[in-house]
Amino acid sequence: LLPSLPTLTVLIPLLSLAGLFYSASVDETFPQGCTSTTSLCFYSLLLPVTVPVYVFFHLWTWMGIKLFRHN
């Protein structure tokens, strides 16, 4: 029972933003601690960047397949 794509498109950035605010409020070394891959802060910053890039390349691939099939 997977949520629809529009729901995920809204839900994932909101959860990432919540994680970012959580990290900013809990982690004492928030700006400096974001470089370690073991830090929660690192992933709360990485996820909002990764999702739009993934969506862009997924749509790019889909458009490429559509253009290839119709030409």
PDB file of N, CA and C in Angstrom:
ATOM      1  N   LEU A   1       0.836  -1.173   0.000  1.00  0.00           N
ATOM      2  CA  LEU A   1       0.000   0.000   0.000  1.00  0.00           C
ATOM      3  C   LEU A   1       0.885   1.242   0.000  1.00  0.00           C
ATOM      4  N   LEU A   2       1.429   1.513  -1.164  1.00  0.00           N
ATOM      5  CA  LEU A   2       2.347   2.637  -1.352  1.00  0.00           C
ATOM      6  C   LEU A   2       1.563   3.901  -1.673  1.00  0.00           C
ATOM      7  N   PRO A   3       1.913   5.021  -1.027  1.00  0.00           N
ATOM      8  CA  PRO A   3       1.228   6.278  -1.369  1.00  0.00           C
ATOM      9  C   PRO A   3       1.503   6.681  -2.815  1.00  0.00           C
ATOM     10  N   SER A   4       0.643   7.520  -3.343  1.00  0.00           N
ATOM     11  CA  SER A   4       0.797   7.948  -4.732  1.00  0.00           C
ATOM     12  C   SER A   4       2.002   8.886  -4.874  1.00  0.00           C
ATOM     13  N   LEU A   5       2.435   9.081  -6.117  1.00  0.00           N
ATOM     14  CA  LEU A   5       3.603   9.927  -6.385  1.00  0.00           C
ATOM     15  C   LEU A   5       3.411  11.367  -5.920  1.00  0.00           C
ATOM     16  N   PRO A   6       2.244  12.013  -6.182  1.00  0.00           N
ATOM     17  CA  PRO A   6       2.085  13.383  -5.655  1.00  0.00           C
ATOM     18  C   PRO A   6       2.165  13.446  -4.134  1.00  0.00           C
ATOM     19  N   THR A   7       1.648  12.430  -3.469  1.00  0.00           N
ATOM     20  CA  THR A   7       1.721  12.398  -2.004  1.00  0.00           C
ATOM     21  C   THR A   7       3.164  12.276  -1.547  1.00  0.00           C
ATOM     22  N   LEU A   8       3.923  11.388  -2.193  1.00  0.00           N
ATOM     23  CA  LEU A   8       5.332  11.217  -1.839  1.00  0.00           C
ATOM     24  C   LEU A   8       6.141  12.465  -2.161  1.00  0.00           C
ATOM     25  N   THR A   9       5.802  13.136  -3.262  1.00  0.00           N
ATOM     26  CA  THR A   9       6.519  14.344  -3.656  1.00  0.00           C
ATOM     27  C   THR A   9       6.374  15.438  -2.606  1.00  0.00           C
ATOM     28  N   VAL A  10       5.257  15.468  -1.931  1.00  0.00           N
ATOM     29  CA  VAL A  10       5.039  16.464  -0.873  1.00  0.00           C
ATOM     30  C   VAL A  10       5.543  15.939   0.468  1.00  0.00           C
ATOM     31  N   LEU A  11       5.339  14.665   0.734  1.00  0.00           N
ATOM     32  CA  LEU A  11       5.635  14.104   2.046  1.00  0.00           C
ATOM     33  C   LEU A  11       7.136  14.004   2.325  1.00  0.00           C
ATOM     34  N   ILE A  12       7.926  13.570   1.348  1.00  0.00           N
ATOM     35  CA  ILE A  12       9.358  13.364   1.575  1.00  0.00           C
ATOM     36  C   ILE A  12      10.083  14.677   1.897  1.00  0.00           C
ATOM     37  N   PRO A  13       9.873  15.766   1.111  1.00  0.00           N
ATOM     38  CA  PRO A  13      10.542  17.012   1.519  1.00  0.00           C
ATOM     39  C   PRO A  13      10.082  17.536   2.880  1.00  0.00           C
ATOM     40  N   LEU A  14       8.815  17.333   3.226  1.00  0.00           N
ATOM     41  CA  LEU A  14       8.347  17.785   4.540  1.00  0.00           C
ATOM     42  C   LEU A  14       9.003  16.989   5.661  1.00  0.00           C
ATOM     43  N   LEU A  15       9.149  15.688   5.476  1.00  0.00           N
ATOM     44  CA  LEU A  15       9.838  14.874   6.475  1.00  0.00           C
ATOM     45  C   LEU A  15      11.311  15.255   6.565  1.00  0.00           C
ATOM     46  N   SER A  16      11.907  15.570   5.425  1.00  0.00           N
ATOM     47  CA  SER A  16      13.304  15.999   5.421  1.00  0.00           C
ATOM     48  C   SER A  16      13.470  17.328   6.151  1.00  0.00           C
ATOM     49  N   LEU A  17      12.537  18.227   5.929  1.00  0.00           N
ATOM     50  CA  LEU A  17      12.578  19.516   6.608  1.00  0.00           C
ATOM     51  C   LEU A  17      12.399  19.336   8.113  1.00  0.00           C
ATOM     52  N   ALA A  18      11.519  18.432   8.496  1.00  0.00           N
ATOM     53  CA  ALA A  18      11.342  18.141   9.922  1.00  0.00           C
ATOM     54  C   ALA A  18      12.637  17.579  10.511  1.00  0.00           C
ATOM     55  N   GLY A  19      13.308  16.702   9.766  1.00  0.00           N
ATOM     56  CA  GLY A  19      14.591  16.170  10.224  1.00  0.00           C
ATOM     57  C   GLY A  19      15.652  17.248  10.330  1.00  0.00           C
ATOM     58  N   LEU A  20      15.633  18.178   9.405  1.00  0.00           N
ATOM     59  CA  LEU A  20      16.585  19.292   9.440  1.00  0.00           C
ATOM     60  C   LEU A  20      16.349  20.165  10.674  1.00  0.00           C
ATOM     61  N   PHE A  21      15.091  20.494  10.942  1.00  0.00           N
ATOM     62  CA  PHE A  21      14.780  21.296  12.128  1.00  0.00           C
ATOM     63  C   PHE A  21      15.101  20.532  13.415  1.00  0.00           C
ATOM     64  N   TYR A  22      14.858  19.226  13.411  1.00  0.00           N
ATOM     65  CA  TYR A  22      15.196  18.405  14.578  1.00  0.00           C
ATOM     66  C   TYR A  22      16.705  18.430  14.819  1.00  0.00           C
ATOM     67  N   SER A  23      17.465  18.259  13.737  1.00  0.00           N
ATOM     68  CA  SER A  23      18.923  18.283  13.873  1.00  0.00           C
ATOM     69  C   SER A  23      19.412  19.638  14.360  1.00  0.00           C
ATOM     70  N   ALA A  24      18.814  20.700  13.840  1.00  0.00           N
ATOM     71  CA  ALA A  24      19.234  22.048  14.236  1.00  0.00           C
ATOM     72  C   ALA A  24      18.922  22.321  15.697  1.00  0.00           C
ATOM     73  N   SER A  25      17.852  21.738  16.199  1.00  0.00           N
ATOM     74  CA  SER A  25      17.478  22.021  17.583  1.00  0.00           C
ATOM     75  C   SER A  25      18.173  21.100  18.585  1.00  0.00           C
ATOM     76  N   VAL A  26      18.528  19.872  18.165  1.00  0.00           N
ATOM     77  CA  VAL A  26      19.088  18.899  19.111  1.00  0.00           C
ATOM     78  C   VAL A  26      20.613  18.862  19.068  1.00  0.00           C
ATOM     79  N   ASP A  27      21.186  18.892  17.873  1.00  0.00           N
ATOM     80  CA  ASP A  27      22.635  18.744  17.717  1.00  0.00           C
ATOM     81  C   ASP A  27      23.339  20.050  18.072  1.00  0.00           C
ATOM     82  N   GLU A  28      24.286  19.974  19.024  1.00  0.00           N
ATOM     83  CA  GLU A  28      24.984  21.190  19.454  1.00  0.00           C
ATOM     84  C   GLU A  28      25.948  21.691  18.380  1.00  0.00           C
ATOM     85  N   THR A  29      26.517  20.782  17.603  1.00  0.00           N
ATOM     86  CA  THR A  29      27.487  21.159  16.574  1.00  0.00           C
ATOM     87  C   THR A  29      26.821  21.115  15.208  1.00  0.00           C
ATOM     88  N   PHE A  30      25.635  21.711  15.088  1.00  0.00           N
ATOM     89  CA  PHE A  30      24.838  21.565  13.862  1.00  0.00           C
ATOM     90  C   PHE A  30      25.564  21.994  12.597  1.00  0.00           C
ATOM     91  N   PRO A  31      26.064  23.221  12.458  1.00  0.00           N
ATOM     92  CA  PRO A  31      26.695  23.562  11.170  1.00  0.00           C
ATOM     93  C   PRO A  31      27.978  22.789  10.916  1.00  0.00           C
ATOM     94  N   GLN A  32      28.765  22.536  11.967  1.00  0.00           N
ATOM     95  CA  GLN A  32      30.029  21.844  11.786  1.00  0.00           C
ATOM     96  C   GLN A  32      29.834  20.334  11.680  1.00  0.00           C
ATOM     97  N   GLY A  33      28.841  19.801  12.359  1.00  0.00           N
ATOM     98  CA  GLY A  33      28.641  18.359  12.404  1.00  0.00           C
ATOM     99  C   GLY A  33      27.986  17.783  11.168  1.00  0.00           C
ATOM    100  N   CYS A  34      27.613  18.617  10.200  1.00  0.00           N
ATOM    101  CA  CYS A  34      26.909  18.135   9.015  1.00  0.00           C
ATOM    102  C   CYS A  34      27.822  17.461   8.010  1.00  0.00           C
ATOM    103  N   THR A  35      29.127  17.434   8.242  1.00  0.00           N
ATOM    104  CA  THR A  35      30.041  16.843   7.269  1.00  0.00           C
ATOM    105  C   THR A  35      30.280  15.363   7.513  1.00  0.00           C
ATOM    106  N   SER A  36      29.969  14.870   8.678  1.00  0.00           N
ATOM    107  CA  SER A  36      30.179  13.462   8.993  1.00  0.00           C
ATOM    108  C   SER A  36      28.999  12.628   8.508  1.00  0.00           C
ATOM    109  N   THR A  37      29.290  11.502   7.841  1.00  0.00           N
ATOM    110  CA  THR A  37      28.217  10.662   7.317  1.00  0.00           C
ATOM    111  C   THR A  37      27.496   9.892   8.420  1.00  0.00           C
ATOM    112  N   THR A  38      28.024   9.895   9.629  1.00  0.00           N
ATOM    113  CA  THR A  38      27.342   9.234  10.737  1.00  0.00           C
ATOM    114  C   THR A  38      26.350  10.169  11.421  1.00  0.00           C
ATOM    115  N   SER A  39      26.344  11.440  11.033  1.00  0.00           N
ATOM    116  CA  SER A  39      25.466  12.424  11.663  1.00  0.00           C
ATOM    117  C   SER A  39      24.079  12.413  11.016  1.00  0.00           C
ATOM    118  N   LEU A  40      23.077  12.539  11.844  1.00  0.00           N
ATOM    119  CA  LEU A  40      21.703  12.655  11.343  1.00  0.00           C
ATOM    120  C   LEU A  40      21.546  13.915  10.509  1.00  0.00           C
ATOM    121  N   CYS A  41      22.279  14.948  10.863  1.00  0.00           N
ATOM    122  CA  CYS A  41      22.218  16.221  10.150  1.00  0.00           C
ATOM    123  C   CYS A  41      22.630  16.065   8.696  1.00  0.00           C
ATOM    124  N   PHE A  42      23.645  15.243   8.447  1.00  0.00           N
ATOM    125  CA  PHE A  42      24.134  15.027   7.085  1.00  0.00           C
ATOM    126  C   PHE A  42      23.017  14.489   6.198  1.00  0.00           C
ATOM    127  N   TYR A  43      22.272  13.513   6.687  1.00  0.00           N
ATOM    128  CA  TYR A  43      21.212  12.913   5.889  1.00  0.00           C
ATOM    129  C   TYR A  43      19.988  13.809   5.785  1.00  0.00           C
ATOM    130  N   SER A  44      19.739  14.628   6.797  1.00  0.00           N
ATOM    131  CA  SER A  44      18.604  15.541   6.702  1.00  0.00           C
ATOM    132  C   SER A  44      18.882  16.650   5.695  1.00  0.00           C
ATOM    133  N   LEU A  45      20.153  16.927   5.390  1.00  0.00           N
ATOM    134  CA  LEU A  45      20.492  17.866   4.333  1.00  0.00           C
ATOM    135  C   LEU A  45      20.606  17.167   2.975  1.00  0.00           C
ATOM    136  N   LEU A  46      21.024  15.907   2.983  1.00  0.00           N
ATOM    137  CA  LEU A  46      21.222  15.173   1.739  1.00  0.00           C
ATOM    138  C   LEU A  46      19.899  14.791   1.081  1.00  0.00           C
ATOM    139  N   LEU A  47      18.923  14.389   1.854  1.00  0.00           N
ATOM    140  CA  LEU A  47      17.659  13.907   1.298  1.00  0.00           C
ATOM    141  C   LEU A  47      16.893  14.970   0.515  1.00  0.00           C
ATOM    142  N   PRO A  48      16.761  16.216   0.998  1.00  0.00           N
ATOM    143  CA  PRO A  48      16.053  17.208   0.176  1.00  0.00           C
ATOM    144  C   PRO A  48      16.750  17.517  -1.148  1.00  0.00           C
ATOM    145  N   VAL A  49      18.056  17.289  -1.224  1.00  0.00           N
ATOM    146  CA  VAL A  49      18.778  17.508  -2.473  1.00  0.00           C
ATOM    147  C   VAL A  49      18.624  16.300  -3.389  1.00  0.00           C
ATOM    148  N   THR A  50      18.621  15.113  -2.815  1.00  0.00           N
ATOM    149  CA  THR A  50      18.586  13.879  -3.599  1.00  0.00           C
ATOM    150  C   THR A  50      17.240  13.674  -4.284  1.00  0.00           C
ATOM    151  N   VAL A  51      16.157  13.966  -3.602  1.00  0.00           N
ATOM    152  CA  VAL A  51      14.823  13.703  -4.142  1.00  0.00           C
ATOM    153  C   VAL A  51      14.542  14.494  -5.422  1.00  0.00           C
ATOM    154  N   PRO A  52      14.755  15.819  -5.481  1.00  0.00           N
ATOM    155  CA  PRO A  52      14.500  16.522  -6.750  1.00  0.00           C
ATOM    156  C   PRO A  52      15.413  16.060  -7.883  1.00  0.00           C
ATOM    157  N   VAL A  53      16.654  15.730  -7.551  1.00  0.00           N
ATOM    158  CA  VAL A  53      17.579  15.242  -8.584  1.00  0.00           C
ATOM    159  C   VAL A  53      17.090  13.909  -9.124  1.00  0.00           C
ATOM    160  N   TYR A  54      16.642  13.014  -8.244  1.00  0.00           N
ATOM    161  CA  TYR A  54      16.116  11.725  -8.678  1.00  0.00           C
ATOM    162  C   TYR A  54      14.879  11.913  -9.559  1.00  0.00           C
ATOM    163  N   VAL A  55      13.968  12.780  -9.135  1.00  0.00           N
ATOM    164  CA  VAL A  55      12.746  13.021  -9.909  1.00  0.00           C
ATOM    165  C   VAL A  55      13.091  13.594 -11.274  1.00  0.00           C
ATOM    166  N   PHE A  56      14.039  14.543 -11.326  1.00  0.00           N
ATOM    167  CA  PHE A  56      14.435  15.135 -12.601  1.00  0.00           C
ATOM    168  C   PHE A  56      14.979  14.075 -13.549  1.00  0.00           C
ATOM    169  N   PHE A  57      15.898  13.243 -13.091  1.00  0.00           N
ATOM    170  CA  PHE A  57      16.493  12.248 -13.977  1.00  0.00           C
ATOM    171  C   PHE A  57      15.512  11.137 -14.319  1.00  0.00           C
ATOM    172  N   HIS A  58      14.599  10.833 -13.424  1.00  0.00           N
ATOM    173  CA  HIS A  58      13.559   9.844 -13.737  1.00  0.00           C
ATOM    174  C   HIS A  58      12.672  10.372 -14.870  1.00  0.00           C
ATOM    175  N   LEU A  59      12.251  11.637 -14.767  1.00  0.00           N
ATOM    176  CA  LEU A  59      11.438  12.233 -15.825  1.00  0.00           C
ATOM    177  C   LEU A  59      12.229  12.376 -17.121  1.00  0.00           C
ATOM    178  N   TRP A  60      13.515  12.700 -17.028  1.00  0.00           N
ATOM    179  CA  TRP A  60      14.385  12.809 -18.208  1.00  0.00           C
ATOM    180  C   TRP A  60      14.452  11.463 -18.928  1.00  0.00           C
ATOM    181  N   THR A  61      14.627  10.381 -18.171  1.00  0.00           N
ATOM    182  CA  THR A  61      14.683   9.040 -18.758  1.00  0.00           C
ATOM    183  C   THR A  61      13.340   8.682 -19.387  1.00  0.00           C
ATOM    184  N   TRP A  62      12.257   8.986 -18.698  1.00  0.00           N
ATOM    185  CA  TRP A  62      10.930   8.683 -19.220  1.00  0.00           C
ATOM    186  C   TRP A  62      10.679   9.431 -20.523  1.00  0.00           C
ATOM    187  N   MET A  63      11.056  10.711 -20.568  1.00  0.00           N
ATOM    188  CA  MET A  63      10.890  11.485 -21.804  1.00  0.00           C
ATOM    189  C   MET A  63      11.750  10.925 -22.928  1.00  0.00           C
ATOM    190  N   GLY A  64      12.952  10.477 -22.610  1.00  0.00           N
ATOM    191  CA  GLY A  64      13.819   9.872 -23.611  1.00  0.00           C
ATOM    192  C   GLY A  64      13.211   8.615 -24.189  1.00  0.00           C
ATOM    193  N   ILE A  65      12.618   7.798 -23.344  1.00  0.00           N
ATOM    194  CA  ILE A  65      11.964   6.572 -23.819  1.00  0.00           C
ATOM    195  C   ILE A  65      10.760   6.917 -24.690  1.00  0.00           C
ATOM    196  N   LYS A  66       9.965   7.911 -24.267  1.00  0.00           N
ATOM    197  CA  LYS A  66       8.803   8.317 -25.057  1.00  0.00           C
ATOM    198  C   LYS A  66       9.225   8.839 -26.427  1.00  0.00           C
ATOM    199  N   LEU A  67      10.262   9.679 -26.475  1.00  0.00           N
ATOM    200  CA  LEU A  67      10.734  10.219 -27.754  1.00  0.00           C
ATOM    201  C   LEU A  67      11.307   9.117 -28.631  1.00  0.00           C
ATOM    202  N   PHE A  68      11.999   8.167 -28.033  1.00  0.00           N
ATOM    203  CA  PHE A  68      12.586   7.071 -28.794  1.00  0.00           C
ATOM    204  C   PHE A  68      11.504   6.196 -29.423  1.00  0.00           C
ATOM    205  N   ARG A  69      10.446   5.929 -28.676  1.00  0.00           N
ATOM    206  CA  ARG A  69       9.368   5.068 -29.190  1.00  0.00           C
ATOM    207  C   ARG A  69       8.566   5.744 -30.289  1.00  0.00           C
ATOM    208  N   HIS A  70       8.402   7.057 -30.215  1.00  0.00           N
ATOM    209  CA  HIS A  70       7.535   7.748 -31.181  1.00  0.00           C
ATOM    210  C   HIS A  70       8.268   8.249 -32.417  1.00  0.00           C
ATOM    211  N   ASN A  71       9.577   8.093 -32.459  1.00  0.00           N
ATOM    212  CA  ASN A  71      10.332   8.530 -33.634  1.00  0.00           C
ATOM    213  C   ASN A  71      10.867   7.357 -34.416  1.00  0.00           C
TER     214      ASN A  71
END
